[in-house]
Amino acid sequence: MQTSIVCSICNKDHVVITDPESAEIICSACGAVMLERIQEDRPEWRAFNLEETNDKSRTGTPISLARHDMGLSTIIGRINKDSSGGKIDSQTLSTMKRLRTWDLRTQTSDDRSRQQAFSELHVLKDKLALPDAIVEKSAYIYRKAQEIGLIRGRTISATIGSAVYIACRELQIPKSLREIAVASNMKRRVLSRSYRILTSELDIKIPIIDPIKCIVKVGNKASLNEKTKRQAIDVMNKITKSEISAGKNPMGLAATVLYIACLRTGVNIRQADIAYAAGISEVTLRNRIKDLKERFNLN
């Protein structure tokens, strides 16, 4: 959408561009952001016919599996004021307090468990920069595990962490079990045990990790240039076709291929830096390099 406003940078009356996606107003001449966080005035619903277009009713917040009540329940507020902002009388206040008490008592142990689990899920989302699709998928896996009683006798942190790892594997997001364990502040073996139980009891088929995405992740973390990453991708494609990568740790294999690509492109980098970026030890990296050179004749 285009309008005309005087720009504060170039001091000219140019046509400005309103970008509703980024909520910014941009000058078409100099490109300066004149205003940010503009008010959203578009409808929050989709209309499929004329009657729905003219309907001004609001639909509320969307349903989300990552909320303990899926966003469907109501909450009795603690403002203790009426609609006009005035204080409510003592009799009504006593009734509201009693209703709040019973509202809290009617929550089951499963509701309280989901509250804690999804609170930790949103913490993991912020720490690991997870997309909303991963959050919804993780919440779905946790709910299925809770339905068949897999949560009983196990920590909520381990269950929700393993659910996040399963969701990342299914949606091809390159997050290792070690990263999730560090973000969850727990031991990797505890998370690994819970992961195996969930995949076995829920009969989840985990897809193989794409090694190309691991190359991009490790390469970005090690600050390697695009030429080196493309060289590593070419080498990885050859290794994958020869089926040598079967059974290998994808992060370790990606670090090995990146180091070989660095040698080919003349990039000066230490083995310790590549190993740190991939989350493996230098011994593992050297053993994998030796193995690939012997079996694939890489130089």
C-alpha atoms as a PDB file:
ATOM      1  CA  MET A   1       0.000   0.000   0.000  1.00  0.00           C
ATOM      2  CA  GLN A   2       1.382   3.415  -0.975  1.00  0.00           C
ATOM      3  CA  THR A   3       0.615   6.859   0.546  1.00  0.00           C
ATOM      4  CA  SER A   4       2.335  10.252   0.564  1.00  0.00           C
ATOM      5  CA  ILE A   5       4.101  11.525   3.720  1.00  0.00           C
ATOM      6  CA  VAL A   6       7.027  13.926   4.191  1.00  0.00           C
ATOM      7  CA  CYS A   7      10.156  11.897   4.965  1.00  0.00           C
ATOM      8  CA  SER A   8      12.176  13.057   7.997  1.00  0.00           C
ATOM      9  CA  ILE A   9      15.473  11.952   6.379  1.00  0.00           C
ATOM     10  CA  CYS A  10      15.347  13.384   2.865  1.00  0.00           C
ATOM     11  CA  ASN A  11      12.728  16.062   3.806  1.00  0.00           C
ATOM     12  CA  LYS A  12      10.757  15.500   0.622  1.00  0.00           C
ATOM     13  CA  ASP A  13       7.178  14.548  -0.050  1.00  0.00           C
ATOM     14  CA  HIS A  14       7.791  11.125  -1.596  1.00  0.00           C
ATOM     15  CA  VAL A  15       5.478   8.185  -1.882  1.00  0.00           C
ATOM     16  CA  VAL A  16       5.951   5.872   1.109  1.00  0.00           C
ATOM     17  CA  ILE A  17       5.389   2.141   1.183  1.00  0.00           C
ATOM     18  CA  THR A  18       3.442   0.473   3.960  1.00  0.00           C
ATOM     19  CA  ASP A  19       4.617  -3.061   4.659  1.00  0.00           C
ATOM     20  CA  PRO A  20       1.967  -4.846   6.783  1.00  0.00           C
ATOM     21  CA  GLU A  21       4.142  -7.939   7.237  1.00  0.00           C
ATOM     22  CA  SER A  22       6.993  -6.101   8.996  1.00  0.00           C
ATOM     23  CA  ALA A  23       4.656  -3.374  10.376  1.00  0.00           C
ATOM     24  CA  GLU A  24       6.822  -0.584   8.933  1.00  0.00           C
ATOM     25  CA  ILE A  25       6.338   2.509   6.774  1.00  0.00           C
ATOM     26  CA  ILE A  26       9.275   2.953   4.363  1.00  0.00           C
ATOM     27  CA  CYS A  27      10.279   5.939   2.226  1.00  0.00           C
ATOM     28  CA  SER A  28      10.336   4.953  -1.459  1.00  0.00           C
ATOM     29  CA  ALA A  29      13.169   7.425  -2.234  1.00  0.00           C
ATOM     30  CA  CYS A  30      15.829   6.841   0.448  1.00  0.00           C
ATOM     31  CA  GLY A  31      14.576   3.556   1.922  1.00  0.00           C
ATOM     32  CA  ALA A  32      14.475   4.889   5.498  1.00  0.00           C
ATOM     33  CA  VAL A  33      12.026   3.348   7.947  1.00  0.00           C
ATOM     34  CA  MET A  34       9.787   6.263   8.874  1.00  0.00           C
ATOM     35  CA  LEU A  35       7.534   4.420  11.270  1.00  0.00           C
ATOM     36  CA  GLU A  36       7.623   0.967  12.808  1.00  0.00           C
ATOM     37  CA  ARG A  37       5.131  -1.097  14.759  1.00  0.00           C
ATOM     38  CA  ILE A  38       2.156   0.353  12.924  1.00  0.00           C
ATOM     39  CA  GLN A  39      -1.283  -0.725  14.051  1.00  0.00           C
ATOM     40  CA  GLU A  40      -2.676  -3.775  12.303  1.00  0.00           C
ATOM     41  CA  ASP A  41      -6.031  -2.888  10.762  1.00  0.00           C
ATOM     42  CA  ARG A  42      -6.634  -5.956   8.655  1.00  0.00           C
ATOM     43  CA  PRO A  43      -9.192  -8.570   9.763  1.00  0.00           C
ATOM     44  CA  GLU A  44      -7.848 -11.547  11.662  1.00  0.00           C
ATOM     45  CA  TRP A  45     -10.155 -13.975   9.875  1.00  0.00           C
ATOM     46  CA  ARG A  46     -10.508 -15.305   6.340  1.00  0.00           C
ATOM     47  CA  ALA A  47     -13.665 -14.687   4.345  1.00  0.00           C
ATOM     48  CA  PHE A  48     -14.929 -17.099   1.695  1.00  0.00           C
ATOM     49  CA  ASN A  49     -18.166 -15.352   0.764  1.00  0.00           C
ATOM     50  CA  LEU A  50     -19.825 -11.943   1.004  1.00  0.00           C
ATOM     51  CA  GLU A  51     -21.675 -12.746   4.231  1.00  0.00           C
ATOM     52  CA  GLU A  52     -18.439 -13.644   6.022  1.00  0.00           C
ATOM     53  CA  THR A  53     -16.826 -10.462   4.668  1.00  0.00           C
ATOM     54  CA  ASN A  54     -19.525  -8.249   6.212  1.00  0.00           C
ATOM     55  CA  ASP A  55     -19.491 -10.173   9.520  1.00  0.00           C
ATOM     56  CA  LYS A  56     -17.561  -8.065  12.055  1.00  0.00           C
ATOM     57  CA  SER A  57     -17.537 -10.650  14.841  1.00  0.00           C
ATOM     58  CA  ARG A  58     -14.141 -11.619  16.239  1.00  0.00           C
ATOM     59  CA  THR A  59     -12.924 -15.192  16.401  1.00  0.00           C
ATOM     60  CA  GLY A  60     -10.590 -14.981  19.407  1.00  0.00           C
ATOM     61  CA  THR A  61      -7.158 -16.519  19.771  1.00  0.00           C
ATOM     62  CA  PRO A  62      -6.344 -19.600  17.674  1.00  0.00           C
ATOM     63  CA  ILE A  63      -6.401 -23.082  19.174  1.00  0.00           C
ATOM     64  CA  SER A  64      -2.935 -24.315  20.121  1.00  0.00           C
ATOM     65  CA  LEU A  65      -1.823 -27.737  21.344  1.00  0.00           C
ATOM     66  CA  ALA A  66       1.031 -26.023  23.203  1.00  0.00           C
ATOM     67  CA  ARG A  67      -1.396 -24.580  25.764  1.00  0.00           C
ATOM     68  CA  HIS A  68      -2.654 -26.781  28.557  1.00  0.00           C
ATOM     69  CA  ASP A  69      -6.290 -25.940  27.777  1.00  0.00           C
ATOM     70  CA  MET A  70      -5.691 -25.479  24.018  1.00  0.00           C
ATOM     71  CA  GLY A  71      -6.851 -21.874  24.464  1.00  0.00           C
ATOM     72  CA  LEU A  72     -10.493 -22.870  24.935  1.00  0.00           C
ATOM     73  CA  SER A  73     -11.070 -22.255  28.653  1.00  0.00           C
ATOM     74  CA  THR A  74     -11.846 -18.954  30.335  1.00  0.00           C
ATOM     75  CA  ILE A  75      -9.965 -17.422  33.254  1.00  0.00           C
ATOM     76  CA  ILE A  76     -11.546 -15.503  36.109  1.00  0.00           C
ATOM     77  CA  GLY A  77      -9.467 -12.344  36.387  1.00  0.00           C
ATOM     78  CA  ARG A  78      -8.203 -10.747  39.604  1.00  0.00           C
ATOM     79  CA  ILE A  79      -8.947  -7.126  38.758  1.00  0.00           C
ATOM     80  CA  ASN A  80     -11.947  -6.982  41.152  1.00  0.00           C
ATOM     81  CA  LYS A  81     -13.545  -4.195  39.105  1.00  0.00           C
ATOM     82  CA  ASP A  82     -16.712  -4.041  37.055  1.00  0.00           C
ATOM     83  CA  SER A  83     -17.033  -3.150  33.364  1.00  0.00           C
ATOM     84  CA  SER A  84     -16.994   0.598  34.077  1.00  0.00           C
ATOM     85  CA  GLY A  85     -13.812   0.412  36.178  1.00  0.00           C
ATOM     86  CA  GLY A  86     -15.466   0.801  39.561  1.00  0.00           C
ATOM     87  CA  LYS A  87     -14.964  -1.456  42.564  1.00  0.00           C
ATOM     88  CA  ILE A  88     -17.402  -4.308  42.984  1.00  0.00           C
ATOM     89  CA  ASP A  89     -19.389  -4.716  46.184  1.00  0.00           C
ATOM     90  CA  SER A  90     -18.297  -7.043  48.976  1.00  0.00           C
ATOM     91  CA  GLN A  91     -20.939  -9.697  48.278  1.00  0.00           C
ATOM     92  CA  THR A  92     -19.952  -9.998  44.605  1.00  0.00           C
ATOM     93  CA  LEU A  93     -16.269 -10.004  45.573  1.00  0.00           C
ATOM     94  CA  SER A  94     -16.859 -12.914  47.946  1.00  0.00           C
ATOM     95  CA  THR A  95     -18.660 -14.823  45.177  1.00  0.00           C
ATOM     96  CA  MET A  96     -15.805 -14.193  42.733  1.00  0.00           C
ATOM     97  CA  LYS A  97     -13.216 -15.447  45.229  1.00  0.00           C
ATOM     98  CA  ARG A  98     -15.219 -18.608  45.797  1.00  0.00           C
ATOM     99  CA  LEU A  99     -15.491 -19.167  42.037  1.00  0.00           C
ATOM    100  CA  ARG A 100     -11.734 -18.705  41.622  1.00  0.00           C
ATOM    101  CA  THR A 101     -11.106 -21.278  44.340  1.00  0.00           C
ATOM    102  CA  TRP A 102     -13.378 -23.845  42.723  1.00  0.00           C
ATOM    103  CA  ASP A 103     -11.939 -23.092  39.301  1.00  0.00           C
ATOM    104  CA  LEU A 104      -8.490 -23.944  40.688  1.00  0.00           C
ATOM    105  CA  ARG A 105      -9.729 -27.083  42.456  1.00  0.00           C
ATOM    106  CA  THR A 106     -11.409 -28.438  39.328  1.00  0.00           C
ATOM    107  CA  GLN A 107      -8.076 -28.591  37.508  1.00  0.00           C
ATOM    108  CA  THR A 108      -6.837 -32.163  37.336  1.00  0.00           C
ATOM    109  CA  SER A 109      -3.281 -33.344  37.840  1.00  0.00           C
ATOM    110  CA  ASP A 110      -2.998 -33.755  34.059  1.00  0.00           C
ATOM    111  CA  ASP A 111      -3.826 -30.077  33.589  1.00  0.00           C
ATOM    112  CA  ARG A 112      -1.128 -29.032  36.067  1.00  0.00           C
ATOM    113  CA  SER A 113       1.347 -31.408  34.413  1.00  0.00           C
ATOM    114  CA  ARG A 114       0.635 -29.898  31.005  1.00  0.00           C
ATOM    115  CA  GLN A 115       1.011 -26.396  32.393  1.00  0.00           C
ATOM    116  CA  GLN A 116       4.526 -27.161  33.629  1.00  0.00           C
ATOM    117  CA  ALA A 117       5.446 -29.134  30.501  1.00  0.00           C
ATOM    118  CA  PHE A 118       4.337 -26.477  28.038  1.00  0.00           C
ATOM    119  CA  SER A 119       5.977 -23.771  30.122  1.00  0.00           C
ATOM    120  CA  GLU A 120       9.278 -25.642  29.727  1.00  0.00           C
ATOM    121  CA  LEU A 121       8.483 -26.162  26.041  1.00  0.00           C
ATOM    122  CA  HIS A 122       8.281 -22.418  25.446  1.00  0.00           C
ATOM    123  CA  VAL A 123      11.566 -21.956  27.311  1.00  0.00           C
ATOM    124  CA  LEU A 124      13.181 -24.462  24.930  1.00  0.00           C
ATOM    125  CA  LYS A 125      11.608 -22.632  22.014  1.00  0.00           C
ATOM    126  CA  ASP A 126      13.346 -19.401  23.044  1.00  0.00           C
ATOM    127  CA  LYS A 127      16.692 -21.048  23.828  1.00  0.00           C
ATOM    128  CA  LEU A 128      16.883 -23.111  20.623  1.00  0.00           C
ATOM    129  CA  ALA A 129      15.031 -20.672  18.322  1.00  0.00           C
ATOM    130  CA  LEU A 130      12.489 -23.322  17.357  1.00  0.00           C
ATOM    131  CA  PRO A 131       9.681 -22.574  14.856  1.00  0.00           C
ATOM    132  CA  ASP A 132       6.029 -22.830  15.836  1.00  0.00           C
ATOM    133  CA  ALA A 133       5.630 -26.070  13.867  1.00  0.00           C
ATOM    134  CA  ILE A 134       8.162 -27.774  16.156  1.00  0.00           C
ATOM    135  CA  VAL A 135       6.383 -26.468  19.257  1.00  0.00           C
ATOM    136  CA  GLU A 136       2.987 -27.749  18.083  1.00  0.00           C
ATOM    137  CA  LYS A 137       4.427 -31.127  17.082  1.00  0.00           C
ATOM    138  CA  SER A 138       6.224 -31.493  20.421  1.00  0.00           C
ATOM    139  CA  ALA A 139       3.023 -30.667  22.310  1.00  0.00           C
ATOM    140  CA  TYR A 140       1.148 -33.275  20.262  1.00  0.00           C
ATOM    141  CA  ILE A 141       3.740 -35.965  21.093  1.00  0.00           C
ATOM    142  CA  TYR A 142       3.630 -35.050  24.798  1.00  0.00           C
ATOM    143  CA  ARG A 143      -0.167 -35.286  24.858  1.00  0.00           C
ATOM    144  CA  LYS A 144      -0.068 -38.726  23.212  1.00  0.00           C
ATOM    145  CA  ALA A 145       2.516 -39.892  25.759  1.00  0.00           C
ATOM    146  CA  GLN A 146       0.369 -38.573  28.598  1.00  0.00           C
ATOM    147  CA  GLU A 147      -2.720 -40.370  27.290  1.00  0.00           C
ATOM    148  CA  ILE A 148      -1.081 -43.805  27.526  1.00  0.00           C
ATOM    149  CA  GLY A 149       0.604 -43.078  30.872  1.00  0.00           C
ATOM    150  CA  LEU A 150       4.230 -42.705  29.779  1.00  0.00           C
ATOM    151  CA  ILE A 151       4.716 -39.578  31.900  1.00  0.00           C
ATOM    152  CA  ARG A 152       4.186 -41.377  35.203  1.00  0.00           C
ATOM    153  CA  GLY A 153       7.483 -42.174  36.904  1.00  0.00           C
ATOM    154  CA  ARG A 154       9.509 -39.923  34.602  1.00  0.00           C
ATOM    155  CA  THR A 155      10.481 -36.280  34.764  1.00  0.00           C
ATOM    156  CA  ILE A 156       8.496 -33.785  32.727  1.00  0.00           C
ATOM    157  CA  SER A 157      11.709 -32.125  31.516  1.00  0.00           C
ATOM    158  CA  ALA A 158      13.025 -35.368  30.031  1.00  0.00           C
ATOM    159  CA  THR A 159       9.735 -36.169  28.325  1.00  0.00           C
ATOM    160  CA  ILE A 160       9.239 -32.735  26.794  1.00  0.00           C
ATOM    161  CA  GLY A 161      12.914 -32.583  25.755  1.00  0.00           C
ATOM    162  CA  SER A 162      12.724 -35.935  23.985  1.00  0.00           C
ATOM    163  CA  ALA A 163       9.442 -34.843  22.341  1.00  0.00           C
ATOM    164  CA  VAL A 164      11.224 -31.750  21.003  1.00  0.00           C
ATOM    165  CA  TYR A 165      14.039 -33.912  19.627  1.00  0.00           C
ATOM    166  CA  ILE A 166      11.561 -36.250  17.912  1.00  0.00           C
ATOM    167  CA  ALA A 167       9.749 -33.277  16.375  1.00  0.00           C
ATOM    168  CA  CYS A 168      13.047 -31.833  15.127  1.00  0.00           C
ATOM    169  CA  ARG A 169      13.963 -35.180  13.550  1.00  0.00           C
ATOM    170  CA  GLU A 170      10.568 -35.547  11.882  1.00  0.00           C
ATOM    171  CA  LEU A 171      10.579 -32.004  10.471  1.00  0.00           C
ATOM    172  CA  GLN A 172      14.279 -32.189   9.469  1.00  0.00           C
ATOM    173  CA  ILE A 173      15.510 -29.464  11.845  1.00  0.00           C
ATOM    174  CA  PRO A 174      19.240 -30.096  12.587  1.00  0.00           C
ATOM    175  CA  LYS A 175      19.164 -30.088  16.401  1.00  0.00           C
ATOM    176  CA  SER A 176      21.291 -32.654  18.210  1.00  0.00           C
ATOM    177  CA  LEU A 177      20.329 -34.478  21.382  1.00  0.00           C
ATOM    178  CA  ARG A 178      23.258 -32.816  23.142  1.00  0.00           C
ATOM    179  CA  GLU A 179      21.967 -29.313  22.296  1.00  0.00           C
ATOM    180  CA  ILE A 180      18.529 -30.087  23.673  1.00  0.00           C
ATOM    181  CA  ALA A 181      20.053 -31.677  26.790  1.00  0.00           C
ATOM    182  CA  VAL A 182      22.124 -28.542  27.454  1.00  0.00           C
ATOM    183  CA  ALA A 183      19.103 -26.283  26.909  1.00  0.00           C
ATOM    184  CA  SER A 184      17.000 -28.506  29.209  1.00  0.00           C
ATOM    185  CA  ASN A 185      19.773 -28.536  31.862  1.00  0.00           C
ATOM    186  CA  MET A 186      19.849 -32.323  32.104  1.00  0.00           C
ATOM    187  CA  LYS A 187      22.158 -35.207  31.275  1.00  0.00           C
ATOM    188  CA  ARG A 188      22.196 -36.516  27.729  1.00  0.00           C
ATOM    189  CA  ARG A 189      21.763 -40.155  28.777  1.00  0.00           C
ATOM    190  CA  VAL A 190      18.537 -39.310  30.662  1.00  0.00           C
ATOM    191  CA  LEU A 191      17.152 -37.573  27.594  1.00  0.00           C
ATOM    192  CA  SER A 192      18.311 -40.441  25.373  1.00  0.00           C
ATOM    193  CA  ARG A 193      16.540 -43.023  27.565  1.00  0.00           C
ATOM    194  CA  SER A 194      13.290 -41.055  27.442  1.00  0.00           C
ATOM    195  CA  TYR A 195      13.658 -40.652  23.662  1.00  0.00           C
ATOM    196  CA  ARG A 196      13.972 -44.408  23.153  1.00  0.00           C
ATOM    197  CA  ILE A 197      10.910 -45.079  25.325  1.00  0.00           C
ATOM    198  CA  LEU A 198       8.758 -42.575  23.417  1.00  0.00           C
ATOM    199  CA  THR A 199       9.750 -43.860  19.991  1.00  0.00           C
ATOM    200  CA  SER A 200       9.146 -47.452  21.078  1.00  0.00           C
ATOM    201  CA  GLU A 201       5.829 -47.020  22.903  1.00  0.00           C
ATOM    202  CA  LEU A 202       4.329 -44.530  20.447  1.00  0.00           C
ATOM    203  CA  ASP A 203       5.652 -46.507  17.444  1.00  0.00           C
ATOM    204  CA  ILE A 204       7.278 -43.437  15.883  1.00  0.00           C
ATOM    205  CA  LYS A 205       9.405 -43.961  12.790  1.00  0.00           C
ATOM    206  CA  ILE A 206      12.270 -41.475  12.934  1.00  0.00           C
ATOM    207  CA  PRO A 207      13.620 -40.394   9.526  1.00  0.00           C
ATOM    208  CA  ILE A 208      17.341 -40.279   8.828  1.00  0.00           C
ATOM    209  CA  ILE A 209      19.044 -36.929   9.432  1.00  0.00           C
ATOM    210  CA  ASP A 210      19.905 -35.082   6.238  1.00  0.00           C
ATOM    211  CA  PRO A 211      23.740 -34.703   6.317  1.00  0.00           C
ATOM    212  CA  ILE A 212      23.552 -31.691   3.975  1.00  0.00           C
ATOM    213  CA  LYS A 213      21.714 -29.669   6.617  1.00  0.00           C
ATOM    214  CA  CYS A 214      24.351 -30.687   9.146  1.00  0.00           C
ATOM    215  CA  ILE A 215      27.051 -29.331   6.817  1.00  0.00           C
ATOM    216  CA  VAL A 216      25.261 -25.990   6.573  1.00  0.00           C
ATOM    217  CA  LYS A 217      24.807 -25.812  10.342  1.00  0.00           C
ATOM    218  CA  VAL A 218      28.417 -26.686  11.207  1.00  0.00           C
ATOM    219  CA  GLY A 219      29.763 -24.469   8.415  1.00  0.00           C
ATOM    220  CA  ASN A 220      27.802 -21.452   9.624  1.00  0.00           C
ATOM    221  CA  LYS A 221      28.885 -22.016  13.215  1.00  0.00           C
ATOM    222  CA  ALA A 222      32.535 -22.303  12.142  1.00  0.00           C
ATOM    223  CA  SER A 223      32.192 -19.147   9.957  1.00  0.00           C
ATOM    224  CA  LEU A 224      33.272 -20.911   6.751  1.00  0.00           C
ATOM    225  CA  ASN A 225      32.784 -19.322   3.350  1.00  0.00           C
ATOM    226  CA  GLU A 226      30.234 -20.420   0.779  1.00  0.00           C
ATOM    227  CA  LYS A 227      32.819 -21.983  -1.521  1.00  0.00           C
ATOM    228  CA  THR A 228      34.001 -24.354   1.203  1.00  0.00           C
ATOM    229  CA  LYS A 229      30.459 -25.370   2.124  1.00  0.00           C
ATOM    230  CA  ARG A 230      29.571 -26.102  -1.500  1.00  0.00           C
ATOM    231  CA  GLN A 231      32.742 -28.165  -1.865  1.00  0.00           C
ATOM    232  CA  ALA A 232      31.758 -30.112   1.260  1.00  0.00           C
ATOM    233  CA  ILE A 233      28.243 -30.694  -0.086  1.00  0.00           C
ATOM    234  CA  ASP A 234      29.685 -32.172  -3.313  1.00  0.00           C
ATOM    235  CA  VAL A 235      31.897 -34.525  -1.309  1.00  0.00           C
ATOM    236  CA  MET A 236      28.997 -35.484   0.956  1.00  0.00           C
ATOM    237  CA  ASN A 237      26.813 -36.353  -2.045  1.00  0.00           C
ATOM    238  CA  LYS A 238      29.511 -38.736  -3.313  1.00  0.00           C
ATOM    239  CA  ILE A 239      29.863 -40.345   0.119  1.00  0.00           C
ATOM    240  CA  THR A 240      26.084 -40.750   0.464  1.00  0.00           C
ATOM    241  CA  LYS A 241      25.770 -42.435  -2.930  1.00  0.00           C
ATOM    242  CA  SER A 242      28.483 -44.934  -1.976  1.00  0.00           C
ATOM    243  CA  GLU A 243      26.552 -45.751   1.265  1.00  0.00           C
ATOM    244  CA  ILE A 244      29.651 -45.191   3.402  1.00  0.00           C
ATOM    245  CA  SER A 245      27.705 -42.739   5.585  1.00  0.00           C
ATOM    246  CA  ALA A 246      25.344 -45.471   6.865  1.00  0.00           C
ATOM    247  CA  GLY A 247      25.534 -45.755  10.650  1.00  0.00           C
ATOM    248  CA  LYS A 248      27.798 -42.719  11.051  1.00  0.00           C
ATOM    249  CA  ASN A 249      27.093 -39.752  13.283  1.00  0.00           C
ATOM    250  CA  PRO A 250      25.832 -37.103  10.803  1.00  0.00           C
ATOM    251  CA  MET A 251      27.370 -34.197  12.745  1.00  0.00           C
ATOM    252  CA  GLY A 252      30.744 -35.949  12.924  1.00  0.00           C
ATOM    253  CA  LEU A 253      30.576 -36.845   9.232  1.00  0.00           C
ATOM    254  CA  ALA A 254      29.651 -33.257   8.327  1.00  0.00           C
ATOM    255  CA  ALA A 255      32.599 -31.912  10.351  1.00  0.00           C
ATOM    256  CA  THR A 256      34.955 -34.362   8.622  1.00  0.00           C
ATOM    257  CA  VAL A 257      33.764 -33.439   5.149  1.00  0.00           C
ATOM    258  CA  LEU A 258      34.008 -29.734   5.980  1.00  0.00           C
ATOM    259  CA  TYR A 259      37.578 -30.133   7.195  1.00  0.00           C
ATOM    260  CA  ILE A 260      38.529 -31.982   4.001  1.00  0.00           C
ATOM    261  CA  ALA A 261      36.844 -29.213   1.974  1.00  0.00           C
ATOM    262  CA  CYS A 262      38.866 -26.624   3.903  1.00  0.00           C
ATOM    263  CA  LEU A 263      42.076 -28.413   2.925  1.00  0.00           C
ATOM    264  CA  ARG A 264      40.998 -28.457  -0.711  1.00  0.00           C
ATOM    265  CA  THR A 265      39.983 -24.779  -0.830  1.00  0.00           C
ATOM    266  CA  GLY A 266      42.971 -23.547   1.166  1.00  0.00           C
ATOM    267  CA  VAL A 267      41.038 -22.378   4.216  1.00  0.00           C
ATOM    268  CA  ASN A 268      43.214 -22.319   7.315  1.00  0.00           C
ATOM    269  CA  ILE A 269      41.214 -23.723  10.232  1.00  0.00           C
ATOM    270  CA  ARG A 270      42.086 -25.926  13.196  1.00  0.00           C
ATOM    271  CA  GLN A 271      40.584 -29.317  13.798  1.00  0.00           C
ATOM    272  CA  ALA A 272      39.585 -28.131  17.269  1.00  0.00           C
ATOM    273  CA  ASP A 273      37.434 -25.362  15.793  1.00  0.00           C
ATOM    274  CA  ILE A 274      35.602 -27.714  13.429  1.00  0.00           C
ATOM    275  CA  ALA A 275      35.107 -30.279  16.211  1.00  0.00           C
ATOM    276  CA  TYR A 276      33.755 -27.626  18.583  1.00  0.00           C
ATOM    277  CA  ALA A 277      31.301 -26.359  15.944  1.00  0.00           C
ATOM    278  CA  ALA A 278      30.004 -29.909  15.410  1.00  0.00           C
ATOM    279  CA  GLY A 279      29.920 -30.806  19.112  1.00  0.00           C
ATOM    280  CA  ILE A 280      32.357 -33.737  18.782  1.00  0.00           C
ATOM    281  CA  SER A 281      35.878 -34.425  20.047  1.00  0.00           C
ATOM    282  CA  GLU A 282      39.063 -33.958  18.024  1.00  0.00           C
ATOM    283  CA  VAL A 283      39.801 -37.682  18.344  1.00  0.00           C
ATOM    284  CA  THR A 284      36.470 -38.508  16.695  1.00  0.00           C
ATOM    285  CA  LEU A 285      37.217 -36.045  13.901  1.00  0.00           C
ATOM    286  CA  ARG A 286      40.684 -37.511  13.245  1.00  0.00           C
ATOM    287  CA  ASN A 287      39.370 -41.080  13.272  1.00  0.00           C
ATOM    288  CA  ARG A 288      36.619 -40.192  10.835  1.00  0.00           C
ATOM    289  CA  ILE A 289      39.088 -38.431   8.523  1.00  0.00           C
ATOM    290  CA  LYS A 290      41.342 -41.484   8.544  1.00  0.00           C
ATOM    291  CA  ASP A 291      38.402 -43.783   7.883  1.00  0.00           C
ATOM    292  CA  LEU A 292      37.135 -41.751   4.920  1.00  0.00           C
ATOM    293  CA  LYS A 293      40.578 -41.452   3.369  1.00  0.00           C
ATOM    294  CA  GLU A 294      41.045 -45.210   3.554  1.00  0.00           C
ATOM    295  CA  ARG A 295      37.593 -46.218   2.324  1.00  0.00           C
ATOM    296  CA  PHE A 296      36.816 -43.363  -0.077  1.00  0.00           C
ATOM    297  CA  ASN A 297      40.299 -42.274  -1.086  1.00  0.00           C
ATOM    298  CA  LEU A 298      39.813 -38.624  -0.118  1.00  0.00           C
ATOM    299  CA  ASN A 299      42.808 -36.305  -0.173  1.00  0.00           C
END
